[in-house]
Amino acid sequence: MELPFELFVAIRYLLARRKQAFISLISLISTLGVMVGVMALLIALALMTGLQGELRDRIVGSSAHIFVHKVGGEGIQDYQADIEKLRQVPRVLAAAPVILTQGMIIGGTQNGFVTIKGIIPDLESEVTDIEKAMQSGSLDALTPAEGQPPGIVIGRELATKLGTFVGDDVYLMTPEGGVLSPFGTMPTQRRYKVVGLFSLGLFEFDQAYAFVHLDAAKRLARVDSPSLIELRVDDMFRASEIADSIPERLGSEYMPQDWSDLNQSLFSALALEKLAISITIGLIVMVAALNIVASLVLLVMEKSRDIAILKTMGSSAASIRRIFMLQGLVIGLIGTTAGAVFGWIVIYLADRYKLVSVPLDVYQISHVPFRLEWLDFITVVAAAIVICFVATIYPSRQAAKLDPAQALRYQ
C-alpha cells in the first residue's frame, strides 16, 4: 500500500539519518513525554475514580439511601403506618424504623464510645447490607429471648479493641439511661450479650457502631418511638430526586435526607482532589507538546533546503504545512497509544494485586481499587492528540512560509 506523499515525507523526516540524529532524539523524547503524561493521567484518574466509587459503595451499603425524619421532635409515633406510606412512594424498595443514640460500651479489657442503632432485623436487612456483612453470629439473634439479656451485634474492629467476641457480655451506658441521686444523674450499666460480629469494610462503622433490637433501644434511650425511618431505593443516584418528592406526596411534616447530602463534604473533597491531580499531571502532556514544537522548529531549520526544493518542484504551501503537521501527529499518536496501553496494564495489575495500600483510619478502606471509566479514557486520549496537533501549527506555518530563493541562495 502506497503512503500519501505528505505522510511518506513526514515519516522519513522522523527517521532521520545519522547527521540529523539529534532531531530524532528530540522526537523520541517528545514521544516518551506524551506516553508518560497519558499513562500517568490515566492511572491518576483510575485511582481517584476507584477511591470515590469504593467509598461511595461502602458508605451506601452500610447505611440507607434516604433518611426520613418527622417534624415535632417526638419521633415517629405510628411508624408502621408511615412505613406503609413511604413504601408507596415510586422507586422505594424497602423501609425500616431506627433509633439512634450515643453511649459507652464496656467490654472485657477496654471501653469506648459507640453509636447504638436500634433496628428490626428483618426490615434492616432489606435496607442496608448489615446481614451480608455478618462475620459470625446472627442478626436474627437480636430478637429478645425469655430469661436472656438483650443481644447486641458489634463491629469486628470494636470487638478486637474490647477483647470481646460472640457469647461474651458487654455493658452499655447512655446519657438517657441514668437515675437521679443526691449527687445528680448517675449512669447505670445495662448488660448485653454479644450475638454477632459484622464487618462492613468501613473503619468508622466497624469500630464505632453497635446494633440492638428496636425494643431494647427504646428502653436504653428512654423513648417510645423510632427517631427516623430508613429507605432503600432502586437507583441510588436518583435518591436526591426521590427524597425531594416525599414531602410533596406525604406532607411537609416529613423531612428526608439522602446519602449524598450527608456525605457531601467528603465527595466534594474527593472530586476537587481528582481535578487538581488531573490538572497537575496534565502539565506533563503540555511539556511534551513543547518538545514537539522544539523538534519541529529545529527540523524546519535543518530541512530548509529540502523545503525549498520541494516548493520549486511544485509542492504547495498547504502540502508543506501538512508534512510537518503529520509529523507532530505521528509523534502524538504513537506516544498516546503507548501511554494508553501501558497505563491500562498498570491499572489492571494495581487493581488485581491491590498494590496501593492506604491508612485504614483515614480513608476507611485498606487499599485503593483502580477503576478507569470510558469517558475518562476517551477524554484523556482525545485531549492528548489535540494538544499534540496544536503544537504542530506554528512550526508547520513557518515551514509553509519559507521562501525558496532565500533558502537556496547560499547552497
Protein backbone atom coordinates (compact mmCIF):
# COMPACT_ATOMS: atom_id res chain seq x y z
CA MET A 1 0.00 0.00 0.00
CA GLU A 2 1.46 3.33 -1.12
CA LEU A 3 1.54 6.06 1.50
CA PRO A 4 0.34 9.60 0.72
CA PHE A 5 3.19 11.91 -0.28
CA GLU A 6 2.98 14.15 2.82
CA LEU A 7 2.86 11.19 5.24
CA PHE A 8 5.76 9.48 3.47
CA VAL A 9 7.96 12.58 3.78
CA ALA A 10 6.90 13.13 7.43
CA ILE A 11 7.91 9.59 8.41
CA ARG A 12 11.23 9.91 6.54
CA TYR A 13 11.98 13.11 8.45
CA LEU A 14 11.19 11.41 11.76
CA LEU A 15 13.59 8.58 10.94
CA ALA A 16 16.44 10.97 10.29
CA ARG A 17 19.86 9.69 9.31
CA ARG A 18 22.94 9.98 11.46
CA LYS A 19 23.69 13.61 10.64
CA GLN A 20 20.21 14.57 11.93
CA ALA A 21 20.33 12.14 14.85
CA PHE A 22 19.85 14.99 17.34
CA ILE A 23 16.44 15.79 15.82
CA SER A 24 15.46 12.12 16.02
CA LEU A 25 16.49 12.10 19.67
CA ILE A 26 14.28 15.11 20.42
CA SER A 27 11.40 13.42 18.59
CA LEU A 28 11.93 10.30 20.70
CA ILE A 29 11.93 12.38 23.89
CA SER A 30 8.73 14.08 22.76
CA THR A 31 7.10 10.71 22.14
CA LEU A 32 8.20 9.42 25.55
CA GLY A 33 6.90 12.62 27.17
CA VAL A 34 3.45 12.17 25.64
CA MET A 35 3.46 8.49 26.63
CA VAL A 36 4.40 9.19 30.25
CA GLY A 37 1.88 12.02 30.51
CA VAL A 38 -1.02 9.98 29.15
CA MET A 39 -0.09 6.95 31.25
CA ALA A 40 0.23 8.98 34.46
CA LEU A 41 -3.03 10.82 33.84
CA LEU A 42 -4.97 7.61 33.20
CA ILE A 43 -3.54 5.98 36.33
CA ALA A 44 -4.34 9.04 38.47
CA LEU A 45 -7.92 9.23 37.18
CA ALA A 46 -8.43 5.49 37.70
CA LEU A 47 -7.08 5.76 41.25
CA MET A 48 -9.33 8.68 42.22
CA THR A 49 -12.37 7.16 40.50
CA GLY A 50 -11.75 3.86 42.27
CA LEU A 51 -11.37 5.58 45.62
CA GLN A 52 -14.58 7.57 45.15
CA GLY A 53 -16.52 4.53 43.97
CA GLU A 54 -15.31 2.25 46.75
CA LEU A 55 -16.07 4.78 49.47
CA ARG A 56 -19.48 5.50 47.94
CA ASP A 57 -20.40 1.82 47.66
CA ARG A 58 -19.32 1.05 51.21
CA ILE A 59 -21.00 4.11 52.71
CA VAL A 60 -24.25 3.45 50.88
CA GLY A 61 -24.07 -0.27 51.65
CA SER A 62 -23.57 0.35 55.36
CA SER A 63 -26.40 2.86 55.61
CA ALA A 64 -29.66 3.63 53.84
CA HIS A 65 -30.19 5.68 50.70
CA ILE A 66 -32.67 8.06 52.34
CA PHE A 67 -33.34 9.00 55.98
CA VAL A 68 -36.80 10.34 56.83
CA HIS A 69 -37.38 12.38 59.99
CA LYS A 70 -40.67 13.83 61.19
CA VAL A 71 -41.28 17.35 62.41
CA GLY A 72 -42.00 17.71 66.12
CA GLY A 73 -39.07 16.08 67.85
CA GLU A 74 -41.20 13.33 69.39
CA GLY A 75 -40.12 10.64 66.98
CA ILE A 76 -42.36 8.67 64.65
CA GLN A 77 -45.31 7.56 66.77
CA ASP A 78 -47.07 5.26 64.31
CA TYR A 79 -44.04 4.05 62.39
CA GLN A 80 -45.81 1.05 60.88
CA ALA A 81 -48.36 3.29 59.14
CA ASP A 82 -45.61 5.65 58.00
CA ILE A 83 -43.58 2.76 56.62
CA GLU A 84 -46.59 1.66 54.54
CA LYS A 85 -46.99 5.22 53.21
CA LEU A 86 -43.32 5.51 52.33
CA ARG A 87 -43.33 2.16 50.55
CA GLN A 88 -45.97 3.53 48.21
CA VAL A 89 -43.59 6.25 47.00
CA PRO A 90 -42.37 5.35 43.49
CA ARG A 91 -38.92 3.72 43.31
CA VAL A 92 -38.82 2.98 47.07
CA LEU A 93 -37.97 -0.69 47.63
CA ALA A 94 -37.87 -1.05 51.42
CA ALA A 95 -38.24 0.89 54.67
CA ALA A 96 -37.12 0.27 58.25
CA PRO A 97 -37.51 2.13 61.58
CA VAL A 98 -34.40 3.15 63.51
CA ILE A 99 -33.46 4.54 66.91
CA LEU A 100 -30.04 6.19 67.17
CA THR A 101 -28.32 7.07 70.42
CA GLN A 102 -24.82 7.50 71.78
CA GLY A 103 -23.30 5.63 74.67
CA MET A 104 -20.29 3.97 76.22
CA ILE A 105 -19.59 0.28 75.80
CA ILE A 106 -17.54 -1.65 78.38
CA GLY A 107 -16.02 -4.94 77.32
CA GLY A 108 -13.56 -7.44 78.66
CA THR A 109 -10.42 -5.30 78.78
CA GLN A 110 -11.31 -1.90 77.30
CA ASN A 111 -14.15 0.54 76.87
CA GLY A 112 -15.10 3.14 74.27
CA PHE A 113 -17.79 5.35 72.87
CA VAL A 114 -20.24 3.82 70.43
CA THR A 115 -23.21 4.76 68.28
CA ILE A 116 -26.07 2.44 69.18
CA LYS A 117 -28.57 1.68 66.44
CA GLY A 118 -31.90 0.10 67.36
CA ILE A 119 -33.32 -1.95 64.47
CA ILE A 120 -35.82 -4.61 63.49
CA PRO A 121 -33.52 -7.27 61.97
CA ASP A 122 -35.83 -8.43 59.17
CA LEU A 123 -36.52 -4.89 57.97
CA GLU A 124 -32.94 -3.61 58.42
CA SER A 125 -31.53 -6.37 56.20
CA GLU A 126 -33.75 -5.08 53.36
CA VAL A 127 -32.41 -1.54 53.67
CA THR A 128 -28.67 -1.98 54.39
CA ASP A 129 -26.00 -4.65 53.82
CA ILE A 130 -25.57 -5.44 57.51
CA GLU A 131 -26.80 -9.02 57.16
CA LYS A 132 -24.34 -9.69 54.32
CA ALA A 133 -21.56 -8.18 56.44
CA MET A 134 -22.01 -10.58 59.37
CA GLN A 135 -18.73 -12.35 60.14
CA SER A 136 -20.04 -14.54 62.94
CA GLY A 137 -23.26 -14.96 64.86
CA SER A 138 -26.62 -13.85 63.51
CA LEU A 139 -28.58 -10.64 63.17
CA ASP A 140 -31.80 -12.54 64.00
CA ALA A 141 -30.35 -13.32 67.44
CA LEU A 142 -31.10 -9.70 68.40
CA THR A 143 -34.73 -10.67 68.87
CA PRO A 144 -35.29 -10.74 72.66
CA ALA A 145 -35.35 -14.21 74.26
CA GLU A 146 -37.15 -15.02 77.50
CA GLY A 147 -34.82 -15.02 80.52
CA GLN A 148 -31.78 -13.89 78.48
CA PRO A 149 -30.05 -10.49 78.41
CA PRO A 150 -30.69 -8.43 75.26
CA GLY A 151 -28.45 -9.22 72.31
CA ILE A 152 -26.01 -6.84 70.66
CA VAL A 153 -24.09 -7.01 67.38
CA ILE A 154 -20.81 -5.07 67.24
CA GLY A 155 -18.18 -4.35 64.59
CA ARG A 156 -15.12 -6.54 64.22
CA GLU A 157 -12.74 -3.65 64.92
CA LEU A 158 -14.67 -2.73 68.05
CA ALA A 159 -14.68 -6.35 69.21
CA THR A 160 -10.90 -6.51 68.77
CA LYS A 161 -10.47 -3.29 70.72
CA LEU A 162 -12.69 -4.50 73.57
CA GLY A 163 -11.34 -8.05 73.59
CA THR A 164 -14.92 -9.26 73.37
CA PHE A 165 -16.43 -11.77 70.97
CA VAL A 166 -19.61 -13.76 70.35
CA GLY A 167 -21.05 -15.13 73.58
CA ASP A 168 -19.35 -12.58 75.86
CA ASP A 169 -21.14 -9.94 77.89
CA VAL A 170 -20.74 -6.18 77.46
CA TYR A 171 -22.26 -3.24 79.32
CA LEU A 172 -23.81 -0.13 77.83
CA MET A 173 -24.25 3.27 79.43
CA THR A 174 -26.19 6.12 77.80
CA PRO A 175 -26.91 9.70 78.93
CA GLU A 176 -30.64 8.93 78.84
CA GLY A 177 -30.29 5.81 80.97
CA GLY A 178 -29.21 7.44 84.23
CA VAL A 179 -31.04 7.54 87.56
CA LEU A 180 -31.46 10.51 89.87
CA SER A 181 -29.41 10.57 93.07
CA PRO A 182 -28.38 13.17 95.66
CA PHE A 183 -25.26 13.68 93.56
CA GLY A 184 -27.18 14.25 90.30
CA THR A 185 -27.92 11.87 87.43
CA MET A 186 -25.88 8.69 87.75
CA PRO A 187 -25.46 6.49 84.66
CA THR A 188 -26.47 2.87 85.00
CA GLN A 189 -24.96 -0.09 83.24
CA ARG A 190 -27.14 -2.43 81.19
CA ARG A 191 -25.85 -5.89 80.38
CA TYR A 192 -25.95 -7.17 76.81
CA LYS A 193 -24.78 -10.39 75.23
CA VAL A 194 -22.74 -10.24 72.02
CA VAL A 195 -24.65 -12.33 69.48
CA GLY A 196 -22.78 -11.35 66.31
CA LEU A 197 -19.85 -9.53 64.72
CA PHE A 198 -20.04 -7.61 61.45
CA SER A 199 -17.52 -6.08 59.06
CA LEU A 200 -18.88 -3.50 56.63
CA GLY A 201 -15.40 -2.59 55.41
CA LEU A 202 -15.62 0.95 56.79
CA PHE A 203 -13.41 1.64 59.78
CA GLU A 204 -15.86 4.27 61.06
CA PHE A 205 -18.68 1.72 61.26
CA ASP A 206 -16.68 -1.34 62.26
CA GLN A 207 -15.11 0.41 65.24
CA ALA A 208 -17.88 2.70 66.47
CA TYR A 209 -21.27 1.10 65.74
CA ALA A 210 -23.39 -1.44 67.59
CA PHE A 211 -26.82 -2.85 66.74
CA VAL A 212 -29.54 -3.80 69.20
CA HIS A 213 -33.20 -4.68 68.77
CA LEU A 214 -35.60 -1.75 68.44
CA ASP A 215 -37.39 -2.68 71.68
CA ALA A 216 -34.10 -2.81 73.60
CA ALA A 217 -33.11 0.56 72.13
CA LYS A 218 -36.39 2.09 73.35
CA ARG A 219 -35.55 1.12 76.92
CA LEU A 220 -31.93 2.16 76.54
CA ALA A 221 -32.71 5.61 75.11
CA ARG A 222 -35.87 6.11 77.20
CA VAL A 223 -38.04 6.78 74.12
CA ASP A 224 -41.36 5.36 72.95
CA SER A 225 -40.94 5.52 69.19
CA PRO A 226 -38.27 5.39 66.45
CA SER A 227 -36.39 8.58 65.65
CA LEU A 228 -36.33 8.06 61.87
CA ILE A 229 -37.18 5.71 59.02
CA GLU A 230 -34.56 4.46 56.55
CA LEU A 231 -35.37 3.88 52.89
CA ARG A 232 -33.72 1.93 50.10
CA VAL A 233 -34.49 2.92 46.51
CA ASP A 234 -33.92 1.19 43.19
CA ASP A 235 -31.36 3.75 41.96
CA MET A 236 -29.01 5.29 44.49
CA PHE A 237 -28.06 8.08 42.07
CA ARG A 238 -31.68 9.25 41.98
CA ALA A 239 -32.04 9.24 45.77
CA SER A 240 -31.99 13.04 45.93
CA GLU A 241 -34.83 13.29 43.40
CA ILE A 242 -36.88 10.67 45.26
CA ALA A 243 -36.23 12.36 48.62
CA ASP A 244 -37.49 15.68 47.25
CA SER A 245 -40.74 14.03 46.14
CA ILE A 246 -41.60 12.64 49.61
CA PRO A 247 -42.83 15.92 51.21
CA GLU A 248 -44.86 16.66 48.08
CA ARG A 249 -46.63 13.30 48.29
CA LEU A 250 -46.92 12.72 52.04
CA GLY A 251 -46.85 16.19 53.56
CA SER A 252 -44.40 18.80 54.81
CA GLU A 253 -44.01 17.10 58.22
CA TYR A 254 -41.72 14.53 56.55
CA MET A 255 -38.11 15.72 56.33
CA PRO A 256 -35.97 13.45 54.11
CA GLN A 257 -32.19 13.46 53.67
CA ASP A 258 -30.39 11.35 51.08
CA TRP A 259 -26.94 9.78 51.32
CA SER A 260 -25.30 12.38 49.05
CA ASP A 261 -26.40 15.22 51.34
CA LEU A 262 -24.96 13.51 54.41
CA ASN A 263 -21.61 12.83 52.70
CA GLN A 264 -21.44 15.93 50.52
CA SER A 265 -18.24 17.31 52.05
CA LEU A 266 -16.37 14.02 51.61
CA PHE A 267 -17.26 13.54 47.95
CA SER A 268 -16.75 17.23 47.16
CA ALA A 269 -13.23 16.98 48.59
CA LEU A 270 -12.52 13.84 46.55
CA ALA A 271 -13.84 15.46 43.36
CA LEU A 272 -11.66 18.53 43.94
CA GLU A 273 -8.64 16.31 44.59
CA LYS A 274 -9.31 14.41 41.36
CA LEU A 275 -9.49 17.67 39.41
CA ALA A 276 -6.28 19.01 40.99
CA ILE A 277 -4.38 15.80 40.24
CA SER A 278 -5.65 15.77 36.65
CA ILE A 279 -4.51 19.34 36.04
CA THR A 280 -1.13 18.77 37.65
CA ILE A 281 -0.34 15.60 35.74
CA GLY A 282 -1.85 17.05 32.56
CA LEU A 283 1.03 19.55 32.56
CA ILE A 284 3.30 16.64 31.65
CA VAL A 285 1.47 16.37 28.33
CA MET A 286 1.87 20.14 27.86
CA VAL A 287 5.64 19.83 28.40
CA ALA A 288 5.74 17.02 25.85
CA ALA A 289 3.87 19.27 23.41
CA LEU A 290 6.52 21.95 23.85
CA ASN A 291 9.12 19.33 22.98
CA ILE A 292 7.19 18.64 19.79
CA VAL A 293 7.30 22.36 18.95
CA ALA A 294 11.04 22.45 19.58
CA SER A 295 11.75 19.36 17.48
CA LEU A 296 9.67 20.64 14.55
CA VAL A 297 11.25 24.10 14.65
CA LEU A 298 14.71 22.52 14.56
CA LEU A 299 13.61 20.24 11.74
CA VAL A 300 12.31 23.19 9.71
CA MET A 301 15.66 24.93 10.14
CA GLU A 302 17.54 21.76 9.22
CA LYS A 303 15.33 20.94 6.24
CA SER A 304 15.04 24.44 4.80
CA ARG A 305 16.93 23.34 1.65
CA ASP A 306 14.64 20.33 1.20
CA ILE A 307 11.57 22.50 1.66
CA ALA A 308 12.84 24.96 -0.93
CA ILE A 309 13.48 22.15 -3.42
CA LEU A 310 10.01 20.70 -2.84
CA LYS A 311 8.47 24.10 -3.48
CA THR A 312 10.45 24.62 -6.70
CA MET A 313 9.25 21.17 -7.84
CA GLY A 314 5.65 22.32 -7.44
CA SER A 315 4.68 21.42 -3.86
CA SER A 316 2.16 23.90 -2.47
CA ALA A 317 2.40 25.70 0.86
CA ALA A 318 -0.53 23.60 2.10
CA SER A 319 1.35 20.41 1.22
CA ILE A 320 4.44 21.59 3.12
CA ARG A 321 2.25 22.52 6.09
CA ARG A 322 0.64 19.06 6.12
CA ILE A 323 4.07 17.35 6.15
CA PHE A 324 5.04 18.94 9.46
CA MET A 325 1.56 18.65 10.95
CA LEU A 326 1.56 14.93 10.16
CA GLN A 327 5.00 14.58 11.71
CA GLY A 328 3.74 16.07 15.01
CA LEU A 329 0.59 13.96 14.84
CA VAL A 330 2.63 10.79 14.34
CA ILE A 331 4.60 11.63 17.48
CA GLY A 332 1.37 12.33 19.38
CA LEU A 333 -0.41 9.19 18.16
CA ILE A 334 2.50 6.89 18.96
CA GLY A 335 3.01 8.44 22.39
CA THR A 336 -0.73 8.47 23.19
CA THR A 337 -1.24 4.87 22.07
CA ALA A 338 1.77 3.64 24.03
CA GLY A 339 0.68 5.62 27.11
CA ALA A 340 -2.88 4.27 26.90
CA VAL A 341 -1.68 0.67 26.57
CA PHE A 342 0.91 0.83 29.37
CA GLY A 343 -1.48 2.83 31.56
CA TRP A 344 -4.20 0.21 31.17
CA ILE A 345 -1.72 -2.56 32.02
CA VAL A 346 -0.56 -0.76 35.20
CA ILE A 347 -4.19 -0.08 36.21
CA TYR A 348 -5.13 -3.73 35.72
CA LEU A 349 -2.17 -5.03 37.71
CA ALA A 350 -2.56 -2.48 40.52
CA ASP A 351 -6.24 -3.31 40.91
CA ARG A 352 -5.87 -7.07 40.62
CA TYR A 353 -2.99 -7.37 43.09
CA LYS A 354 -4.06 -4.48 45.41
CA LEU A 355 -0.72 -2.72 45.09
CA VAL A 356 -1.74 0.63 46.64
CA SER A 357 -2.39 0.49 50.39
CA VAL A 358 -3.82 3.45 52.32
CA PRO A 359 -4.30 4.17 56.06
CA LEU A 360 -7.47 2.41 57.16
CA ASP A 361 -8.43 5.02 59.75
CA VAL A 362 -8.14 7.90 57.24
CA TYR A 363 -9.68 6.54 54.04
CA GLN A 364 -11.91 3.86 55.63
CA ILE A 365 -10.51 1.22 53.24
CA SER A 366 -7.30 -0.80 53.32
CA HIS A 367 -6.35 -0.47 49.63
CA VAL A 368 -7.36 1.63 46.65
CA PRO A 369 -9.17 -0.06 43.77
CA PHE A 370 -8.47 1.26 40.27
CA ARG A 371 -11.46 1.94 38.02
CA LEU A 372 -10.95 3.52 34.62
CA GLU A 373 -14.15 4.92 33.15
CA TRP A 374 -14.55 5.01 29.39
CA LEU A 375 -15.36 8.72 29.44
CA ASP A 376 -12.11 9.49 31.28
CA PHE A 377 -10.16 7.26 28.88
CA ILE A 378 -11.62 8.86 25.75
CA THR A 379 -11.19 12.38 27.18
CA VAL A 380 -7.51 11.86 28.01
CA VAL A 381 -6.68 10.27 24.65
CA ALA A 382 -8.57 12.92 22.67
CA ALA A 383 -7.05 15.79 24.69
CA ALA A 384 -3.52 14.45 24.22
CA ILE A 385 -3.97 14.16 20.45
CA VAL A 386 -5.49 17.65 20.22
CA ILE A 387 -2.63 19.16 22.27
CA CYS A 388 -0.07 17.46 20.03
CA PHE A 389 -1.89 18.74 16.93
CA VAL A 390 -1.99 22.31 18.24
CA ALA A 391 1.75 22.09 18.90
CA THR A 392 2.35 21.50 15.17
CA ILE A 393 0.56 24.63 13.95
CA TYR A 394 3.33 27.21 14.46
CA PRO A 395 6.28 25.16 13.04
CA SER A 396 4.22 24.00 10.05
CA ARG A 397 3.13 27.54 9.22
CA GLN A 398 6.74 28.70 9.39
CA ALA A 399 7.74 25.91 7.02
CA ALA A 400 4.97 26.83 4.59
CA LYS A 401 6.10 30.49 4.56
CA LEU A 402 9.70 29.62 3.65
CA ASP A 403 10.96 31.49 0.55
CA PRO A 404 12.78 29.05 -1.81
CA ALA A 405 15.04 31.79 -3.23
CA GLN A 406 16.25 32.82 0.22
CA ALA A 407 16.75 29.19 1.31
CA LEU A 408 18.80 28.24 -1.78
CA ARG A 409 20.83 31.47 -2.10
CA TYR A 410 23.89 30.18 -0.27
CA GLN A 411 23.53 26.48 -1.12
